[in-house]
Amino acid sequence: MKLIIAVVQDKDSNRLINALSHENFQTTKLATTGGFLKEGNTTLMIGCQDEHIDDALKIIKENCSQREQMVAPISPMGGNADSYIPKPVKVEVGGATVFILPIESFYRF
C-alpha cells in the first residue's frame, strides 16, 4: 500500500477530486499555501494499493494543467522601494507535485 501526496493548484483541485472519485480513489483534501507565489493550493492525500499507483498518477497528470501567469515581483530587500517599479513577469504555475510514500499499516476506526 502507498500514500500519494499531491500538491495541486486550487483551480485544479475540484476537477481532480471528481476524477479520482469517479475511479473510486478516496481522497483527503487539505487547504495549504504555496511558498513561492504565496497563493492557496490544495494537498490531497490518496491511499491506494501498489497496483493502482499508475492509474492514480495518470488521473493526476490529466487533470492538473500547467499554465503561465503574470506575477508582480516583490520589491528588493534593502533597496529604495520608492524608485522600484515592479514589472510583471510570466511564471509557469499549475501541474502537480506528487510524493509517494510506503504505508506499513492502515487502520480505519
PDB file of N, CA and C in Angstrom:
ATOM      1  N   MET A   1       0.840  -1.181   0.000  1.00  0.00           N
ATOM      2  CA  MET A   1       0.000   0.000   0.000  1.00  0.00           C
ATOM      3  C   MET A   1       0.881   1.239   0.000  1.00  0.00           C
ATOM      4  N   LYS A   2       0.410   2.278  -0.667  1.00  0.00           N
ATOM      5  CA  LYS A   2       1.142   3.536  -0.764  1.00  0.00           C
ATOM      6  C   LYS A   2       0.234   4.704  -0.392  1.00  0.00           C
ATOM      7  N   LEU A   3       0.870   5.791   0.026  1.00  0.00           N
ATOM      8  CA  LEU A   3       0.181   7.053   0.253  1.00  0.00           C
ATOM      9  C   LEU A   3       0.705   8.036  -0.783  1.00  0.00           C
ATOM     10  N   ILE A   4      -0.190   8.540  -1.614  1.00  0.00           N
ATOM     11  CA  ILE A   4       0.171   9.562  -2.592  1.00  0.00           C
ATOM     12  C   ILE A   4      -0.191  10.915  -1.991  1.00  0.00           C
ATOM     13  N   ILE A   5       0.775  11.810  -1.944  1.00  0.00           N
ATOM     14  CA  ILE A   5       0.532  13.184  -1.513  1.00  0.00           C
ATOM     15  C   ILE A   5       0.717  14.052  -2.748  1.00  0.00           C
ATOM     16  N   ALA A   6      -0.364  14.687  -3.198  1.00  0.00           N
ATOM     17  CA  ALA A   6      -0.330  15.513  -4.401  1.00  0.00           C
ATOM     18  C   ALA A   6      -0.649  16.955  -4.033  1.00  0.00           C
ATOM     19  N   VAL A   7       0.272  17.856  -4.359  1.00  0.00           N
ATOM     20  CA  VAL A   7       0.059  19.283  -4.134  1.00  0.00           C
ATOM     21  C   VAL A   7      -0.316  19.891  -5.478  1.00  0.00           C
ATOM     22  N   VAL A   8      -1.533  20.442  -5.549  1.00  0.00           N
ATOM     23  CA  VAL A   8      -2.054  20.982  -6.809  1.00  0.00           C
ATOM     24  C   VAL A   8      -2.586  22.386  -6.590  1.00  0.00           C
ATOM     25  N   GLN A   9      -2.724  23.122  -7.672  1.00  0.00           N
ATOM     26  CA  GLN A   9      -3.264  24.472  -7.580  1.00  0.00           C
ATOM     27  C   GLN A   9      -4.767  24.392  -7.299  1.00  0.00           C
ATOM     28  N   ASP A  10      -5.286  25.339  -6.535  1.00  0.00           N
ATOM     29  CA  ASP A  10      -6.707  25.344  -6.182  1.00  0.00           C
ATOM     30  C   ASP A  10      -7.608  25.233  -7.411  1.00  0.00           C
ATOM     31  N   LYS A  11      -7.204  25.856  -8.512  1.00  0.00           N
ATOM     32  CA  LYS A  11      -8.013  25.838  -9.733  1.00  0.00           C
ATOM     33  C   LYS A  11      -8.211  24.424 -10.271  1.00  0.00           C
ATOM     34  N   ASP A  12      -7.279  23.531  -9.979  1.00  0.00           N
ATOM     35  CA  ASP A  12      -7.353  22.162 -10.488  1.00  0.00           C
ATOM     36  C   ASP A  12      -7.961  21.184  -9.488  1.00  0.00           C
ATOM     37  N   SER A  13      -8.110  21.586  -8.243  1.00  0.00           N
ATOM     38  CA  SER A  13      -8.433  20.624  -7.184  1.00  0.00           C
ATOM     39  C   SER A  13      -9.804  19.967  -7.342  1.00  0.00           C
ATOM     40  N   ASN A  14     -10.854  20.735  -7.612  1.00  0.00           N
ATOM     41  CA  ASN A  14     -12.184  20.138  -7.711  1.00  0.00           C
ATOM     42  C   ASN A  14     -12.278  19.163  -8.878  1.00  0.00           C
ATOM     43  N   ARG A  15     -11.716  19.542 -10.013  1.00  0.00           N
ATOM     44  CA  ARG A  15     -11.725  18.655 -11.178  1.00  0.00           C
ATOM     45  C   ARG A  15     -10.978  17.367 -10.869  1.00  0.00           C
ATOM     46  N   LEU A  16      -9.831  17.477 -10.196  1.00  0.00           N
ATOM     47  CA  LEU A  16      -9.041  16.304  -9.859  1.00  0.00           C
ATOM     48  C   LEU A  16      -9.767  15.415  -8.848  1.00  0.00           C
ATOM     49  N   ILE A  17     -10.344  15.994  -7.821  1.00  0.00           N
ATOM     50  CA  ILE A  17     -11.067  15.210  -6.816  1.00  0.00           C
ATOM     51  C   ILE A  17     -12.232  14.460  -7.461  1.00  0.00           C
ATOM     52  N   ASN A  18     -12.958  15.129  -8.354  1.00  0.00           N
ATOM     53  CA  ASN A  18     -14.068  14.465  -9.043  1.00  0.00           C
ATOM     54  C   ASN A  18     -13.581  13.308  -9.902  1.00  0.00           C
ATOM     55  N   ALA A  19     -12.479  13.499 -10.619  1.00  0.00           N
ATOM     56  CA  ALA A  19     -11.935  12.435 -11.472  1.00  0.00           C
ATOM     57  C   ALA A  19     -11.447  11.257 -10.633  1.00  0.00           C
ATOM     58  N   LEU A  20     -10.784  11.538  -9.522  1.00  0.00           N
ATOM     59  CA  LEU A  20     -10.325  10.464  -8.642  1.00  0.00           C
ATOM     60  C   LEU A  20     -11.507   9.715  -8.030  1.00  0.00           C
ATOM     61  N   SER A  21     -12.525  10.441  -7.610  1.00  0.00           N
ATOM     62  CA  SER A  21     -13.711   9.829  -7.029  1.00  0.00           C
ATOM     63  C   SER A  21     -14.425   8.945  -8.049  1.00  0.00           C
ATOM     64  N   HIS A  22     -14.475   9.399  -9.284  1.00  0.00           N
ATOM     65  CA  HIS A  22     -15.118   8.631 -10.365  1.00  0.00           C
ATOM     66  C   HIS A  22     -14.440   7.278 -10.548  1.00  0.00           C
ATOM     67  N   GLU A  23     -13.139   7.210 -10.271  1.00  0.00           N
ATOM     68  CA  GLU A  23     -12.384   5.957 -10.394  1.00  0.00           C
ATOM     69  C   GLU A  23     -12.215   5.250  -9.045  1.00  0.00           C
ATOM     70  N   ASN A  24     -13.032   5.648  -8.069  1.00  0.00           N
ATOM     71  CA  ASN A  24     -13.089   5.014  -6.741  1.00  0.00           C
ATOM     72  C   ASN A  24     -11.829   5.200  -5.887  1.00  0.00           C
ATOM     73  N   PHE A  25     -11.097   6.283  -6.099  1.00  0.00           N
ATOM     74  CA  PHE A  25      -9.994   6.630  -5.207  1.00  0.00           C
ATOM     75  C   PHE A  25     -10.551   7.537  -4.120  1.00  0.00           C
ATOM     76  N   GLN A  26     -10.288   7.205  -2.874  1.00  0.00           N
ATOM     77  CA  GLN A  26     -10.724   8.046  -1.764  1.00  0.00           C
ATOM     78  C   GLN A  26      -9.622   9.046  -1.453  1.00  0.00           C
ATOM     79  N   THR A  27     -10.007  10.300  -1.274  1.00  0.00           N
ATOM     80  CA  THR A  27      -9.021  11.352  -1.038  1.00  0.00           C
ATOM     81  C   THR A  27      -9.365  12.131   0.226  1.00  0.00           C
ATOM     82  N   THR A  28      -8.331  12.689   0.818  1.00  0.00           N
ATOM     83  CA  THR A  28      -8.483  13.644   1.912  1.00  0.00           C
ATOM     84  C   THR A  28      -7.882  14.952   1.418  1.00  0.00           C
ATOM     85  N   LYS A  29      -8.660  16.022   1.505  1.00  0.00           N
ATOM     86  CA  LYS A  29      -8.255  17.324   0.983  1.00  0.00           C
ATOM     87  C   LYS A  29      -7.791  18.223   2.125  1.00  0.00           C
ATOM     88  N   LEU A  30      -6.610  18.818   1.953  1.00  0.00           N
ATOM     89  CA  LEU A  30      -6.072  19.776   2.919  1.00  0.00           C
ATOM     90  C   LEU A  30      -5.844  21.103   2.207  1.00  0.00           C
ATOM     91  N   ALA A  31      -6.294  22.192   2.787  1.00  0.00           N
ATOM     92  CA  ALA A  31      -6.028  23.520   2.238  1.00  0.00           C
ATOM     93  C   ALA A  31      -4.637  23.945   2.689  1.00  0.00           C
ATOM     94  N   THR A  32      -3.782  24.295   1.727  1.00  0.00           N
ATOM     95  CA  THR A  32      -2.406  24.683   2.040  1.00  0.00           C
ATOM     96  C   THR A  32      -2.049  25.951   1.282  1.00  0.00           C
ATOM     97  N   THR A  33      -0.900  26.520   1.592  1.00  0.00           N
ATOM     98  CA  THR A  33      -0.423  27.734   0.920  1.00  0.00           C
ATOM     99  C   THR A  33       0.964  27.485   0.371  1.00  0.00           C
ATOM    100  N   GLY A  34       1.166  27.882  -0.883  1.00  0.00           N
ATOM    101  CA  GLY A  34       2.469  27.706  -1.524  1.00  0.00           C
ATOM    102  C   GLY A  34       3.460  28.746  -1.054  1.00  0.00           C
ATOM    103  N   GLY A  35       4.727  28.400  -1.092  1.00  0.00           N
ATOM    104  CA  GLY A  35       5.763  29.309  -0.628  1.00  0.00           C
ATOM    105  C   GLY A  35       6.224  30.306  -1.668  1.00  0.00           C
ATOM    106  N   PHE A  36       6.177  29.941  -2.956  1.00  0.00           N
ATOM    107  CA  PHE A  36       6.730  30.808  -3.996  1.00  0.00           C
ATOM    108  C   PHE A  36       5.800  31.973  -4.319  1.00  0.00           C
ATOM    109  N   LEU A  37       4.556  31.678  -4.669  1.00  0.00           N
ATOM    110  CA  LEU A  37       3.616  32.736  -5.034  1.00  0.00           C
ATOM    111  C   LEU A  37       2.722  33.157  -3.875  1.00  0.00           C
ATOM    112  N   LYS A  38       2.844  32.479  -2.739  1.00  0.00           N
ATOM    113  CA  LYS A  38       2.035  32.764  -1.555  1.00  0.00           C
ATOM    114  C   LYS A  38       0.543  32.635  -1.857  1.00  0.00           C
ATOM    115  N   GLU A  39       0.180  31.757  -2.774  1.00  0.00           N
ATOM    116  CA  GLU A  39      -1.211  31.540  -3.129  1.00  0.00           C
ATOM    117  C   GLU A  39      -1.690  30.217  -2.561  1.00  0.00           C
ATOM    118  N   GLY A  40      -2.997  30.115  -2.418  1.00  0.00           N
ATOM    119  CA  GLY A  40      -3.574  28.886  -1.919  1.00  0.00           C
ATOM    120  C   GLY A  40      -3.392  27.738  -2.895  1.00  0.00           C
ATOM    121  N   ASN A  41      -3.180  26.571  -2.352  1.00  0.00           N
ATOM    122  CA  ASN A  41      -3.182  25.364  -3.154  1.00  0.00           C
ATOM    123  C   ASN A  41      -3.856  24.278  -2.340  1.00  0.00           C
ATOM    124  N   THR A  42      -3.949  23.116  -2.906  1.00  0.00           N
ATOM    125  CA  THR A  42      -4.618  22.008  -2.241  1.00  0.00           C
ATOM    126  C   THR A  42      -3.673  20.827  -2.179  1.00  0.00           C
ATOM    127  N   THR A  43      -3.591  20.210  -1.021  1.00  0.00           N
ATOM    128  CA  THR A  43      -2.808  18.992  -0.867  1.00  0.00           C
ATOM    129  C   THR A  43      -3.788  17.847  -0.690  1.00  0.00           C
ATOM    130  N   LEU A  44      -3.674  16.843  -1.548  1.00  0.00           N
ATOM    131  CA  LEU A  44      -4.537  15.672  -1.470  1.00  0.00           C
ATOM    132  C   LEU A  44      -3.737  14.489  -0.952  1.00  0.00           C
ATOM    133  N   MET A  45      -4.329  13.751  -0.035  1.00  0.00           N
ATOM    134  CA  MET A  45      -3.737  12.507   0.438  1.00  0.00           C
ATOM    135  C   MET A  45      -4.602  11.377  -0.117  1.00  0.00           C
ATOM    136  N   ILE A  46      -3.963  10.475  -0.856  1.00  0.00           N
ATOM    137  CA  ILE A  46      -4.678   9.401  -1.531  1.00  0.00           C
ATOM    138  C   ILE A  46      -4.016   8.085  -1.147  1.00  0.00           C
ATOM    139  N   GLY A  47      -4.734   7.232  -0.472  1.00  0.00           N
ATOM    140  CA  GLY A  47      -4.214   5.912  -0.139  1.00  0.00           C
ATOM    141  C   GLY A  47      -4.644   4.928  -1.205  1.00  0.00           C
ATOM    142  N   CYS A  48      -3.713   4.117  -1.703  1.00  0.00           N
ATOM    143  CA  CYS A  48      -4.103   3.127  -2.708  1.00  0.00           C
ATOM    144  C   CYS A  48      -3.140   1.948  -2.721  1.00  0.00           C
ATOM    145  N   GLN A  49      -3.620   0.866  -3.272  1.00  0.00           N
ATOM    146  CA  GLN A  49      -2.812  -0.341  -3.413  1.00  0.00           C
ATOM    147  C   GLN A  49      -1.724  -0.099  -4.465  1.00  0.00           C
ATOM    148  N   ASP A  50      -0.630  -0.827  -4.342  1.00  0.00           N
ATOM    149  CA  ASP A  50       0.510  -0.651  -5.247  1.00  0.00           C
ATOM    150  C   ASP A  50       0.125  -0.775  -6.718  1.00  0.00           C
ATOM    151  N   GLU A  51      -0.780  -1.697  -7.025  1.00  0.00           N
ATOM    152  CA  GLU A  51      -1.131  -1.938  -8.433  1.00  0.00           C
ATOM    153  C   GLU A  51      -1.976  -0.818  -9.039  1.00  0.00           C
ATOM    154  N   HIS A  52      -2.449   0.125  -8.212  1.00  0.00           N
ATOM    155  CA  HIS A  52      -3.262   1.235  -8.724  1.00  0.00           C
ATOM    156  C   HIS A  52      -2.511   2.567  -8.765  1.00  0.00           C
ATOM    157  N   ILE A  53      -1.241   2.561  -8.421  1.00  0.00           N
ATOM    158  CA  ILE A  53      -0.443   3.803  -8.407  1.00  0.00           C
ATOM    159  C   ILE A  53      -0.417   4.459  -9.790  1.00  0.00           C
ATOM    160  N   ASP A  54      -0.144   3.670 -10.829  1.00  0.00           N
ATOM    161  CA  ASP A  54      -0.067   4.234 -12.187  1.00  0.00           C
ATOM    162  C   ASP A  54      -1.394   4.850 -12.613  1.00  0.00           C
ATOM    163  N   ASP A  55      -2.513   4.228 -12.241  1.00  0.00           N
ATOM    164  CA  ASP A  55      -3.834   4.776 -12.580  1.00  0.00           C
ATOM    165  C   ASP A  55      -4.045   6.127 -11.893  1.00  0.00           C
ATOM    166  N   ALA A  56      -3.682   6.212 -10.627  1.00  0.00           N
ATOM    167  CA  ALA A  56      -3.842   7.470  -9.892  1.00  0.00           C
ATOM    168  C   ALA A  56      -2.955   8.564 -10.480  1.00  0.00           C
ATOM    169  N   LEU A  57      -1.709   8.225 -10.815  1.00  0.00           N
ATOM    170  CA  LEU A  57      -0.792   9.216 -11.395  1.00  0.00           C
ATOM    171  C   LEU A  57      -1.305   9.713 -12.746  1.00  0.00           C
ATOM    172  N   LYS A  58      -1.891   8.825 -13.522  1.00  0.00           N
ATOM    173  CA  LYS A  58      -2.440   9.213 -14.830  1.00  0.00           C
ATOM    174  C   LYS A  58      -3.576  10.218 -14.648  1.00  0.00           C
ATOM    175  N   ILE A  59      -4.445   9.962 -13.683  1.00  0.00           N
ATOM    176  CA  ILE A  59      -5.565  10.871 -13.409  1.00  0.00           C
ATOM    177  C   ILE A  59      -5.050  12.230 -12.945  1.00  0.00           C
ATOM    178  N   ILE A  60      -4.043  12.227 -12.083  1.00  0.00           N
ATOM    179  CA  ILE A  60      -3.466  13.487 -11.608  1.00  0.00           C
ATOM    180  C   ILE A  60      -2.870  14.265 -12.774  1.00  0.00           C
ATOM    181  N   LYS A  61      -2.117  13.588 -13.620  1.00  0.00           N
ATOM    182  CA  LYS A  61      -1.472  14.255 -14.764  1.00  0.00           C
ATOM    183  C   LYS A  61      -2.496  14.835 -15.731  1.00  0.00           C
ATOM    184  N   GLU A  62      -3.584  14.110 -15.963  1.00  0.00           N
ATOM    185  CA  GLU A  62      -4.611  14.566 -16.907  1.00  0.00           C
ATOM    186  C   GLU A  62      -5.428  15.742 -16.382  1.00  0.00           C
ATOM    187  N   ASN A  63      -5.486  15.923 -15.081  1.00  0.00           N
ATOM    188  CA  ASN A  63      -6.370  16.941 -14.510  1.00  0.00           C
ATOM    189  C   ASN A  63      -5.659  18.136 -13.885  1.00  0.00           C
ATOM    190  N   CYS A  64      -4.348  18.166 -13.932  1.00  0.00           N
ATOM    191  CA  CYS A  64      -3.595  19.281 -13.352  1.00  0.00           C
ATOM    192  C   CYS A  64      -2.743  19.911 -14.441  1.00  0.00           C
ATOM    193  N   SER A  65      -3.286  20.915 -15.092  1.00  0.00           N
ATOM    194  CA  SER A  65      -2.598  21.525 -16.224  1.00  0.00           C
ATOM    195  C   SER A  65      -1.644  22.628 -15.777  1.00  0.00           C
ATOM    196  N   GLN A  66      -0.563  22.769 -16.535  1.00  0.00           N
ATOM    197  CA  GLN A  66       0.364  23.874 -16.293  1.00  0.00           C
ATOM    198  C   GLN A  66      -0.055  25.042 -17.175  1.00  0.00           C
ATOM    199  N   ARG A  67       0.125  26.255 -16.665  1.00  0.00           N
ATOM    200  CA  ARG A  67      -0.231  27.458 -17.412  1.00  0.00           C
ATOM    201  C   ARG A  67       0.665  28.601 -16.976  1.00  0.00           C
ATOM    202  N   GLU A  68       0.710  29.632 -17.787  1.00  0.00           N
ATOM    203  CA  GLU A  68       1.516  30.802 -17.435  1.00  0.00           C
ATOM    204  C   GLU A  68       0.636  31.823 -16.735  1.00  0.00           C
ATOM    205  N   GLN A  69       1.249  32.535 -15.782  1.00  0.00           N
ATOM    206  CA  GLN A  69       0.533  33.550 -15.015  1.00  0.00           C
ATOM    207  C   GLN A  69       1.445  34.746 -14.847  1.00  0.00           C
ATOM    208  N   MET A  70       0.888  35.947 -14.940  1.00  0.00           N
ATOM    209  CA  MET A  70       1.660  37.165 -14.722  1.00  0.00           C
ATOM    210  C   MET A  70       1.713  37.455 -13.222  1.00  0.00           C
ATOM    211  N   VAL A  71       2.935  37.724 -12.723  1.00  0.00           N
ATOM    212  CA  VAL A  71       3.137  37.978 -11.303  1.00  0.00           C
ATOM    213  C   VAL A  71       3.996  39.219 -11.144  1.00  0.00           C
ATOM    214  N   ALA A  72       3.595  40.112 -10.228  1.00  0.00           N
ATOM    215  CA  ALA A  72       4.407  41.292  -9.920  1.00  0.00           C
ATOM    216  C   ALA A  72       5.472  40.884  -8.906  1.00  0.00           C
ATOM    217  N   PRO A  73       6.737  41.125  -9.206  1.00  0.00           N
ATOM    218  CA  PRO A  73       7.795  40.744  -8.266  1.00  0.00           C
ATOM    219  C   PRO A  73       7.756  41.576  -6.988  1.00  0.00           C
ATOM    220  N   ILE A  74       8.301  41.023  -5.936  1.00  0.00           N
ATOM    221  CA  ILE A  74       8.380  41.709  -4.642  1.00  0.00           C
ATOM    222  C   ILE A  74       9.536  42.706  -4.695  1.00  0.00           C
ATOM    223  N   SER A  75       9.375  43.865  -4.023  1.00  0.00           N
ATOM    224  CA  SER A  75      10.431  44.871  -4.028  1.00  0.00           C
ATOM    225  C   SER A  75      11.702  44.310  -3.387  1.00  0.00           C
ATOM    226  N   PRO A  76      12.889  44.734  -3.869  1.00  0.00           N
ATOM    227  CA  PRO A  76      14.141  44.198  -3.347  1.00  0.00           C
ATOM    228  C   PRO A  76      14.368  44.597  -1.890  1.00  0.00           C
ATOM    229  N   MET A  77      14.911  43.681  -1.134  1.00  0.00           N
ATOM    230  CA  MET A  77      15.190  43.951   0.276  1.00  0.00           C
ATOM    231  C   MET A  77      16.378  44.914   0.383  1.00  0.00           C
ATOM    232  N   GLY A  78      16.248  45.885   1.237  1.00  0.00           N
ATOM    233  CA  GLY A  78      17.345  46.809   1.494  1.00  0.00           C
ATOM    234  C   GLY A  78      17.481  47.911   0.451  1.00  0.00           C
ATOM    235  N   GLY A  79      16.734  47.822  -0.622  1.00  0.00           N
ATOM    236  CA  GLY A  79      16.805  48.856  -1.659  1.00  0.00           C
ATOM    237  C   GLY A  79      15.787  49.940  -1.392  1.00  0.00           C
ATOM    238  N   ASN A  80      15.822  50.968  -2.210  1.00  0.00           N
ATOM    239  CA  ASN A  80      14.883  52.065  -2.092  1.00  0.00           C
ATOM    240  C   ASN A  80      13.585  51.657  -2.793  1.00  0.00           C
ATOM    241  N   ALA A  81      12.557  51.365  -2.045  1.00  0.00           N
ATOM    242  CA  ALA A  81      11.288  50.896  -2.597  1.00  0.00           C
ATOM    243  C   ALA A  81      10.572  51.989  -3.382  1.00  0.00           C
ATOM    244  N   ASP A  82      10.891  53.287  -3.112  1.00  0.00           N
ATOM    245  CA  ASP A  82      10.222  54.381  -3.824  1.00  0.00           C
ATOM    246  C   ASP A  82      10.579  54.399  -5.300  1.00  0.00           C
ATOM    247  N   SER A  83      11.801  54.035  -5.633  1.00  0.00           N
ATOM    248  CA  SER A  83      12.228  54.092  -7.030  1.00  0.00           C
ATOM    249  C   SER A  83      12.063  52.739  -7.734  1.00  0.00           C
ATOM    250  N   TYR A  84      11.579  51.749  -7.021  1.00  0.00           N
ATOM    251  CA  TYR A  84      11.417  50.412  -7.589  1.00  0.00           C
ATOM    252  C   TYR A  84      10.068  50.315  -8.297  1.00  0.00           C
ATOM    253  N   ILE A  85      10.091  50.064  -9.592  1.00  0.00           N
ATOM    254  CA  ILE A  85       8.863  49.908 -10.369  1.00  0.00           C
ATOM    255  C   ILE A  85       8.756  48.440 -10.763  1.00  0.00           C
ATOM    256  N   PRO A  86       7.852  47.712 -10.125  1.00  0.00           N
ATOM    257  CA  PRO A  86       7.759  46.284 -10.435  1.00  0.00           C
ATOM    258  C   PRO A  86       7.213  46.053 -11.837  1.00  0.00           C
ATOM    259  N   LYS A  87       7.875  45.193 -12.564  1.00  0.00           N
ATOM    260  CA  LYS A  87       7.415  44.800 -13.884  1.00  0.00           C
ATOM    261  C   LYS A  87       6.883  43.383 -13.763  1.00  0.00           C
ATOM    262  N   PRO A  88       5.627  43.164 -14.120  1.00  0.00           N
ATOM    263  CA  PRO A  88       5.111  41.801 -14.028  1.00  0.00           C
ATOM    264  C   PRO A  88       5.930  40.849 -14.906  1.00  0.00           C
ATOM    265  N   VAL A  89       6.119  39.648 -14.401  1.00  0.00           N
ATOM    266  CA  VAL A  89       6.844  38.617 -15.143  1.00  0.00           C
ATOM    267  C   VAL A  89       5.952  37.391 -15.283  1.00  0.00           C
ATOM    268  N   LYS A  90       6.167  36.639 -16.340  1.00  0.00           N
ATOM    269  CA  LYS A  90       5.422  35.405 -16.552  1.00  0.00           C
ATOM    270  C   LYS A  90       6.111  34.270 -15.804  1.00  0.00           C
ATOM    271  N   VAL A  91       5.319  33.510 -15.060  1.00  0.00           N
ATOM    272  CA  VAL A  91       5.834  32.310 -14.402  1.00  0.00           C
ATOM    273  C   VAL A  91       4.905  31.154 -14.747  1.00  0.00           C
ATOM    274  N   GLU A  92       5.462  29.958 -14.747  1.00  0.00           N
ATOM    275  CA  GLU A  92       4.651  28.775 -15.014  1.00  0.00           C
ATOM    276  C   GLU A  92       4.078  28.266 -13.697  1.00  0.00           C
ATOM    277  N   VAL A  93       2.764  28.104 -13.657  1.00  0.00           N
ATOM    278  CA  VAL A  93       2.085  27.618 -12.460  1.00  0.00           C
ATOM    279  C   VAL A  93       1.245  26.404 -12.824  1.00  0.00           C
ATOM    280  N   GLY A  94       0.735  25.755 -11.824  1.00  0.00           N
ATOM    281  CA  GLY A  94      -0.134  24.607 -12.064  1.00  0.00           C
ATOM    282  C   GLY A  94       0.656  23.322 -12.063  1.00  0.00           C
ATOM    283  N   GLY A  95       0.048  22.307 -12.654  1.00  0.00           N
ATOM    284  CA  GLY A  95       0.670  20.998 -12.599  1.00  0.00           C
ATOM    285  C   GLY A  95       0.480  20.414 -11.216  1.00  0.00           C
ATOM    286  N   ALA A  96       1.279  19.451 -10.883  1.00  0.00           N
ATOM    287  CA  ALA A  96       1.171  18.804  -9.576  1.00  0.00           C
ATOM    288  C   ALA A  96       2.554  18.398  -9.101  1.00  0.00           C
ATOM    289  N   THR A  97       2.759  18.492  -7.808  1.00  0.00           N
ATOM    290  CA  THR A  97       3.943  17.937  -7.167  1.00  0.00           C
ATOM    291  C   THR A  97       3.453  16.729  -6.376  1.00  0.00           C
ATOM    292  N   VAL A  98       4.018  15.556  -6.691  1.00  0.00           N
ATOM    293  CA  VAL A  98       3.498  14.309  -6.139  1.00  0.00           C
ATOM    294  C   VAL A  98       4.590  13.572  -5.371  1.00  0.00           C
ATOM    295  N   PHE A  99       4.239  13.128  -4.175  1.00  0.00           N
ATOM    296  CA  PHE A  99       5.117  12.297  -3.355  1.00  0.00           C
ATOM    297  C   PHE A  99       4.408  10.956  -3.155  1.00  0.00           C
ATOM    298  N   ILE A 100       5.154   9.869  -3.228  1.00  0.00           N
ATOM    299  CA  ILE A 100       4.588   8.546  -2.987  1.00  0.00           C
ATOM    300  C   ILE A 100       5.360   7.913  -1.834  1.00  0.00           C
ATOM    301  N   LEU A 101       4.635   7.581  -0.777  1.00  0.00           N
ATOM    302  CA  LEU A 101       5.247   7.048   0.436  1.00  0.00           C
ATOM    303  C   LEU A 101       4.738   5.633   0.716  1.00  0.00           C
ATOM    304  N   PRO A 102       5.614   4.763   1.190  1.00  0.00           N
ATOM    305  CA  PRO A 102       5.145   3.420   1.561  1.00  0.00           C
ATOM    306  C   PRO A 102       4.348   3.475   2.859  1.00  0.00           C
ATOM    307  N   ILE A 103       3.318   2.669   2.938  1.00  0.00           N
ATOM    308  CA  ILE A 103       2.486   2.589   4.141  1.00  0.00           C
ATOM    309  C   ILE A 103       2.699   1.211   4.772  1.00  0.00           C
ATOM    310  N   GLU A 104       3.132   1.214   6.010  1.00  0.00           N
ATOM    311  CA  GLU A 104       3.380  -0.047   6.716  1.00  0.00           C
ATOM    312  C   GLU A 104       2.074  -0.682   7.169  1.00  0.00           C
ATOM    313  N   SER A 105       1.153   0.139   7.657  1.00  0.00           N
ATOM    314  CA  SER A 105      -0.145  -0.381   8.066  1.00  0.00           C
ATOM    315  C   SER A 105      -1.186   0.712   7.939  1.00  0.00           C
ATOM    316  N   PHE A 106      -2.456   0.298   7.903  1.00  0.00           N
ATOM    317  CA  PHE A 106      -3.555   1.221   7.695  1.00  0.00           C
ATOM    318  C   PHE A 106      -4.724   0.766   8.563  1.00  0.00           C
ATOM    319  N   TYR A 107      -5.329   1.689   9.295  1.00  0.00           N
ATOM    320  CA  TYR A 107      -6.465   1.371  10.161  1.00  0.00           C
ATOM    321  C   TYR A 107      -7.578   2.346   9.901  1.00  0.00           C
ATOM    322  N   ARG A 108      -8.792   1.848   9.895  1.00  0.00           N
ATOM    323  CA  ARG A 108      -9.977   2.715   9.789  1.00  0.00           C
ATOM    324  C   ARG A 108     -10.870   2.395  10.974  1.00  0.00           C
ATOM    325  N   PHE A 109     -11.129   3.390  11.825  1.00  0.00           N
ATOM    326  CA  PHE A 109     -11.948   3.164  13.027  1.00  0.00           C
ATOM    327  C   PHE A 109     -13.298   3.819  12.873  1.00  0.00           C
TER     328      PHE A 109
END
